């Protein structure tokens, strides 16, 4: 059986937690920040877990992470 290749785009965006869940960051925090409220920016700065529906697909893309 050949080795699986890591999807490099996914490897840069997702990290596995110690319990096997997957963390991700929010989008919309790169530019035009003056028109966004501070509460919204604070929420966008925090990392969150990938949804249960998307987790299996992401885990297939980062098999060795």
C-alpha atoms as a PDB file:
ATOM      1  CA  UNK A   1       0.000   0.000   0.000  1.00  0.00           C
ATOM      2  CA  UNK A   2       1.547   3.356  -0.976  1.00  0.00           C
ATOM      3  CA  UNK A   3       1.863   6.233   1.417  1.00  0.00           C
ATOM      4  CA  UNK A   4      -0.878   8.863   1.453  1.00  0.00           C
ATOM      5  CA  UNK A   5       0.002  12.362   0.344  1.00  0.00           C
ATOM      6  CA  UNK A   6      -0.828  15.281   2.613  1.00  0.00           C
ATOM      7  CA  UNK A   7      -2.924  18.015   0.991  1.00  0.00           C
ATOM      8  CA  UNK A   8      -0.547  20.940   1.519  1.00  0.00           C
ATOM      9  CA  UNK A   9      -3.287  23.586   1.353  1.00  0.00           C
ATOM     10  CA  UNK A  10      -5.198  21.812   4.102  1.00  0.00           C
ATOM     11  CA  UNK A  11      -2.056  21.258   6.184  1.00  0.00           C
ATOM     12  CA  UNK A  12      -1.546  25.016   6.354  1.00  0.00           C
ATOM     13  CA  UNK A  13      -5.152  25.685   7.409  1.00  0.00           C
ATOM     14  CA  UNK A  14      -6.004  22.923   9.872  1.00  0.00           C
ATOM     15  CA  UNK A  15      -4.400  21.480  13.013  1.00  0.00           C
ATOM     16  CA  UNK A  16      -5.330  18.349  14.923  1.00  0.00           C
ATOM     17  CA  UNK A  17      -5.996  18.598  18.660  1.00  0.00           C
ATOM     18  CA  UNK A  18      -4.741  16.038  21.157  1.00  0.00           C
ATOM     19  CA  UNK A  19      -8.153  14.337  21.176  1.00  0.00           C
ATOM     20  CA  UNK A  20      -8.260  14.018  17.383  1.00  0.00           C
ATOM     21  CA  UNK A  21     -10.575  16.922  16.606  1.00  0.00           C
ATOM     22  CA  UNK A  22      -9.633  19.520  13.986  1.00  0.00           C
ATOM     23  CA  UNK A  23      -9.120  23.247  14.599  1.00  0.00           C
ATOM     24  CA  UNK A  24      -9.515  26.012  12.037  1.00  0.00           C
ATOM     25  CA  UNK A  25      -9.423  29.798  11.908  1.00  0.00           C
ATOM     26  CA  UNK A  26     -12.141  32.190  10.787  1.00  0.00           C
ATOM     27  CA  UNK A  27     -12.011  34.114   7.536  1.00  0.00           C
ATOM     28  CA  UNK A  28     -12.737  37.848   6.941  1.00  0.00           C
ATOM     29  CA  UNK A  29      -9.948  39.193   9.165  1.00  0.00           C
ATOM     30  CA  UNK A  30      -7.395  40.340   6.566  1.00  0.00           C
ATOM     31  CA  UNK A  31      -8.476  43.763   5.335  1.00  0.00           C
ATOM     32  CA  UNK A  32     -11.216  46.430   5.590  1.00  0.00           C
ATOM     33  CA  UNK A  33     -11.211  45.997   9.349  1.00  0.00           C
ATOM     34  CA  UNK A  34     -12.313  49.563  10.123  1.00  0.00           C
ATOM     35  CA  UNK A  35     -15.861  48.788   8.977  1.00  0.00           C
ATOM     36  CA  UNK A  36     -16.124  45.755  11.278  1.00  0.00           C
ATOM     37  CA  UNK A  37     -17.039  46.067  14.933  1.00  0.00           C
ATOM     38  CA  UNK A  38     -14.590  45.166  17.679  1.00  0.00           C
ATOM     39  CA  UNK A  39     -16.818  42.383  19.008  1.00  0.00           C
ATOM     40  CA  UNK A  40     -16.970  40.820  15.543  1.00  0.00           C
ATOM     41  CA  UNK A  41     -13.189  41.072  15.098  1.00  0.00           C
ATOM     42  CA  UNK A  42     -12.581  39.505  18.517  1.00  0.00           C
ATOM     43  CA  UNK A  43     -14.775  36.539  17.600  1.00  0.00           C
ATOM     44  CA  UNK A  44     -13.101  36.133  14.207  1.00  0.00           C
ATOM     45  CA  UNK A  45      -9.647  36.075  15.834  1.00  0.00           C
ATOM     46  CA  UNK A  46     -10.416  32.943  17.848  1.00  0.00           C
ATOM     47  CA  UNK A  47      -9.976  29.451  16.468  1.00  0.00           C
ATOM     48  CA  UNK A  48     -12.896  27.017  16.366  1.00  0.00           C
ATOM     49  CA  UNK A  49     -13.434  23.334  15.686  1.00  0.00           C
ATOM     50  CA  UNK A  50     -14.311  22.083  12.219  1.00  0.00           C
ATOM     51  CA  UNK A  51     -17.949  20.981  11.998  1.00  0.00           C
ATOM     52  CA  UNK A  52     -18.753  17.303  12.524  1.00  0.00           C
ATOM     53  CA  UNK A  53     -19.898  16.947   8.906  1.00  0.00           C
ATOM     54  CA  UNK A  54     -16.604  18.265   7.486  1.00  0.00           C
ATOM     55  CA  UNK A  55     -14.203  16.572   9.925  1.00  0.00           C
ATOM     56  CA  UNK A  56     -13.835  13.230   8.066  1.00  0.00           C
ATOM     57  CA  UNK A  57     -12.978  14.991   4.801  1.00  0.00           C
ATOM     58  CA  UNK A  58     -10.383  17.219   6.487  1.00  0.00           C
ATOM     59  CA  UNK A  59      -8.831  14.278   8.319  1.00  0.00           C
ATOM     60  CA  UNK A  60      -8.363  12.444   5.023  1.00  0.00           C
ATOM     61  CA  UNK A  61      -6.468  15.460   3.699  1.00  0.00           C
ATOM     62  CA  UNK A  62      -4.083  15.601   6.697  1.00  0.00           C
ATOM     63  CA  UNK A  63      -3.418  11.908   7.461  1.00  0.00           C
ATOM     64  CA  UNK A  64      -0.119  12.374   9.347  1.00  0.00           C
ATOM     65  CA  UNK A  65      -0.677  15.721  11.087  1.00  0.00           C
END
